[in-house]
C-alpha cells in the first residue's frame, strides 16, 4: 500500500511506499503498514493509519516501485 500516513488525530506523519514501509518527512523509517491499513512502529504499537491508499497487490512490489 502506498499513501499518506496520519496519526489518529489526523496529523501527517509521513508516507508509506509500495512495500508497506513507512518513512517520516525526513526519510527516516518509522514503521510498517499492516494488512488492515494501520501503521505500527517497531514494537508493534499502532501509531496511525494510511489515507489515500493505493493497493499494490496485483503486481510485485519491485515492479510497482520501478514504475513510480
N, C-alpha and C. Protein backbone atom coordinates (compact mmCIF):
# COMPACT_ATOMS: atom_id res chain seq x y z
N UNK A 1 0.83 -1.18 0.00
CA UNK A 1 0.00 0.00 0.00
C UNK A 1 0.88 1.24 0.00
N UNK A 2 0.47 2.20 -0.73
CA UNK A 2 1.15 3.48 -0.70
C UNK A 2 0.13 4.55 -0.31
N UNK A 3 0.60 5.61 0.27
CA UNK A 3 -0.28 6.70 0.65
C UNK A 3 0.30 7.52 1.78
N UNK A 4 -0.45 8.51 2.20
CA UNK A 4 -0.04 9.36 3.31
C UNK A 4 -0.33 8.64 4.62
N UNK A 5 0.54 8.85 5.60
CA UNK A 5 0.37 8.25 6.91
C UNK A 5 0.03 9.36 7.90
N UNK A 6 -1.09 9.17 8.61
CA UNK A 6 -1.53 10.14 9.61
C UNK A 6 -1.66 9.44 10.96
N UNK A 7 -1.44 10.22 12.05
CA UNK A 7 -1.71 9.65 13.36
C UNK A 7 -3.22 9.64 13.56
N UNK A 8 -3.67 9.16 14.71
CA UNK A 8 -5.11 9.03 14.92
C UNK A 8 -5.81 10.37 15.11
N UNK A 9 -5.04 11.44 15.31
CA UNK A 9 -5.61 12.78 15.40
C UNK A 9 -5.65 13.49 14.06
N UNK A 10 -5.13 12.85 13.01
CA UNK A 10 -5.15 13.42 11.68
C UNK A 10 -3.89 14.17 11.29
N UNK A 11 -2.87 14.18 12.16
CA UNK A 11 -1.62 14.86 11.85
C UNK A 11 -0.77 13.97 10.96
N UNK A 12 -0.26 14.54 9.87
CA UNK A 12 0.54 13.74 8.92
C UNK A 12 1.89 13.37 9.52
N UNK A 13 2.19 12.08 9.49
CA UNK A 13 3.46 11.58 10.00
C UNK A 13 4.49 11.36 8.89
N UNK A 14 4.02 11.00 7.70
CA UNK A 14 4.93 10.70 6.61
C UNK A 14 4.20 9.98 5.50
N UNK A 15 4.86 8.97 4.90
CA UNK A 15 4.24 8.26 3.79
C UNK A 15 4.64 6.79 3.80
N UNK A 16 3.82 5.99 3.12
CA UNK A 16 4.06 4.56 3.00
C UNK A 16 4.44 4.26 1.56
N UNK A 17 5.43 3.39 1.35
CA UNK A 17 5.85 3.04 0.00
C UNK A 17 5.16 1.76 -0.45
N UNK A 18 5.49 1.30 -1.64
CA UNK A 18 4.86 0.12 -2.23
C UNK A 18 5.13 -1.15 -1.44
N UNK A 19 6.18 -1.17 -0.64
CA UNK A 19 6.50 -2.34 0.17
C UNK A 19 5.85 -2.29 1.54
N UNK A 20 5.09 -1.23 1.83
CA UNK A 20 4.45 -1.10 3.13
C UNK A 20 5.36 -0.52 4.19
N UNK A 21 6.50 0.00 3.79
CA UNK A 21 7.42 0.62 4.74
C UNK A 21 7.02 2.09 4.91
N UNK A 22 7.05 2.57 6.14
CA UNK A 22 6.62 3.92 6.45
C UNK A 22 7.83 4.77 6.82
N UNK A 23 7.93 5.94 6.19
CA UNK A 23 9.00 6.88 6.49
C UNK A 23 8.41 8.22 6.88
N UNK A 24 9.14 8.95 7.72
CA UNK A 24 8.68 10.29 8.09
C UNK A 24 9.11 11.29 7.03
N UNK A 25 8.90 12.57 7.29
CA UNK A 25 9.20 13.62 6.31
C UNK A 25 10.67 13.70 5.96
N UNK A 26 11.54 13.27 6.88
CA UNK A 26 12.99 13.31 6.64
C UNK A 26 13.50 12.03 5.98
N UNK A 27 12.60 11.07 5.73
CA UNK A 27 13.00 9.82 5.11
C UNK A 27 13.45 8.75 6.09
N UNK A 28 13.22 8.98 7.38
CA UNK A 28 13.59 8.01 8.41
C UNK A 28 12.50 6.96 8.54
N UNK A 29 12.89 5.70 8.52
CA UNK A 29 11.95 4.59 8.62
C UNK A 29 11.35 4.57 10.03
N UNK A 30 10.01 4.66 10.12
CA UNK A 30 9.37 4.71 11.43
C UNK A 30 8.42 3.55 11.68
N UNK A 31 8.18 2.69 10.70
CA UNK A 31 7.28 1.57 10.93
C UNK A 31 6.87 0.90 9.63
N UNK A 32 5.76 0.17 9.71
CA UNK A 32 5.24 -0.55 8.55
C UNK A 32 3.72 -0.53 8.56
N UNK A 33 3.14 -0.86 7.42
CA UNK A 33 1.69 -0.91 7.27
C UNK A 33 1.23 -2.35 7.42
N UNK A 34 0.18 -2.56 8.22
CA UNK A 34 -0.40 -3.89 8.38
C UNK A 34 -1.38 -4.16 7.25
N UNK A 35 -1.86 -5.38 7.17
CA UNK A 35 -2.85 -5.76 6.16
C UNK A 35 -4.13 -4.94 6.29
N UNK A 36 -4.41 -4.46 7.50
CA UNK A 36 -5.63 -3.69 7.76
C UNK A 36 -5.47 -2.20 7.46
N UNK A 37 -4.27 -1.79 7.01
CA UNK A 37 -4.05 -0.39 6.69
C UNK A 37 -3.64 0.45 7.89
N UNK A 38 -3.34 -0.22 9.00
CA UNK A 38 -2.86 0.50 10.18
C UNK A 38 -1.35 0.58 10.13
N UNK A 39 -0.80 1.61 10.75
CA UNK A 39 0.65 1.78 10.81
C UNK A 39 1.11 1.41 12.21
N UNK A 40 2.12 0.53 12.27
CA UNK A 40 2.68 0.13 13.55
C UNK A 40 4.16 0.47 13.58
N UNK A 41 4.66 0.78 14.79
CA UNK A 41 6.09 1.07 14.94
C UNK A 41 6.83 -0.25 15.12
N UNK A 42 8.12 -0.17 15.45
CA UNK A 42 8.95 -1.36 15.56
C UNK A 42 8.52 -2.29 16.69
N UNK A 43 7.85 -1.75 17.71
CA UNK A 43 7.38 -2.56 18.83
C UNK A 43 6.00 -3.15 18.56
N UNK A 44 5.42 -2.82 17.41
CA UNK A 44 4.09 -3.32 17.07
C UNK A 44 2.96 -2.47 17.60
N UNK A 45 3.28 -1.28 18.11
CA UNK A 45 2.27 -0.37 18.64
C UNK A 45 1.65 0.43 17.49
N UNK A 46 0.32 0.46 17.46
CA UNK A 46 -0.37 1.23 16.41
C UNK A 46 -0.11 2.71 16.61
N UNK A 47 0.37 3.38 15.56
CA UNK A 47 0.65 4.81 15.66
C UNK A 47 -0.17 5.63 14.68
N UNK A 48 -0.91 5.00 13.80
CA UNK A 48 -1.72 5.75 12.85
C UNK A 48 -2.31 4.87 11.78
N UNK A 49 -2.72 5.52 10.70
CA UNK A 49 -3.32 4.78 9.58
C UNK A 49 -2.92 5.43 8.26
N UNK A 50 -3.11 4.69 7.19
CA UNK A 50 -2.78 5.19 5.85
C UNK A 50 -4.03 5.77 5.22
N UNK A 51 -3.89 6.96 4.63
CA UNK A 51 -5.00 7.56 3.88
C UNK A 51 -4.56 7.73 2.44
N UNK A 52 -5.52 7.86 1.55
CA UNK A 52 -5.19 7.95 0.13
C UNK A 52 -4.53 6.68 -0.34
N UNK A 53 -5.03 5.54 0.11
CA UNK A 53 -4.41 4.24 -0.12
C UNK A 53 -4.51 3.81 -1.56
N UNK A 54 -3.39 3.31 -2.07
CA UNK A 54 -3.35 2.66 -3.37
C UNK A 54 -2.89 1.23 -3.13
N UNK A 55 -3.70 0.26 -3.51
CA UNK A 55 -3.33 -1.14 -3.33
C UNK A 55 -2.35 -1.56 -4.40
N UNK A 56 -1.37 -2.35 -4.03
CA UNK A 56 -0.36 -2.83 -4.97
C UNK A 56 -0.30 -4.36 -4.97
N UNK A 57 -1.41 -4.99 -4.75
CA UNK A 57 -1.42 -6.45 -4.61
C UNK A 57 -1.40 -7.19 -5.93
N UNK A 58 -1.68 -6.51 -7.04
CA UNK A 58 -1.76 -7.21 -8.32
C UNK A 58 -0.40 -7.36 -9.01
N UNK A 59 0.65 -6.73 -8.49
CA UNK A 59 1.98 -6.87 -9.10
C UNK A 59 3.02 -6.83 -7.99
N UNK A 60 4.15 -7.43 -8.25
CA UNK A 60 5.21 -7.43 -7.23
C UNK A 60 5.62 -6.02 -6.84
N UNK A 61 6.01 -5.84 -5.58
CA UNK A 61 6.38 -4.52 -5.07
C UNK A 61 7.54 -3.91 -5.85
N UNK A 62 8.48 -4.74 -6.29
CA UNK A 62 9.63 -4.20 -7.02
C UNK A 62 9.20 -3.63 -8.36
N UNK A 63 8.24 -4.27 -9.00
CA UNK A 63 7.73 -3.76 -10.27
C UNK A 63 6.97 -2.46 -10.05
N UNK A 64 6.17 -2.40 -8.97
CA UNK A 64 5.42 -1.19 -8.66
C UNK A 64 6.37 -0.04 -8.37
N UNK A 65 7.41 -0.30 -7.59
CA UNK A 65 8.38 0.75 -7.25
C UNK A 65 9.11 1.25 -8.49
N UNK A 66 9.39 0.36 -9.41
CA UNK A 66 10.09 0.75 -10.63
C UNK A 66 9.24 1.66 -11.50
N UNK A 67 7.94 1.52 -11.41
CA UNK A 67 7.04 2.35 -12.22
C UNK A 67 6.76 3.69 -11.59
N UNK A 68 7.07 3.85 -10.31
CA UNK A 68 6.77 5.11 -9.59
C UNK A 68 7.67 6.23 -10.03
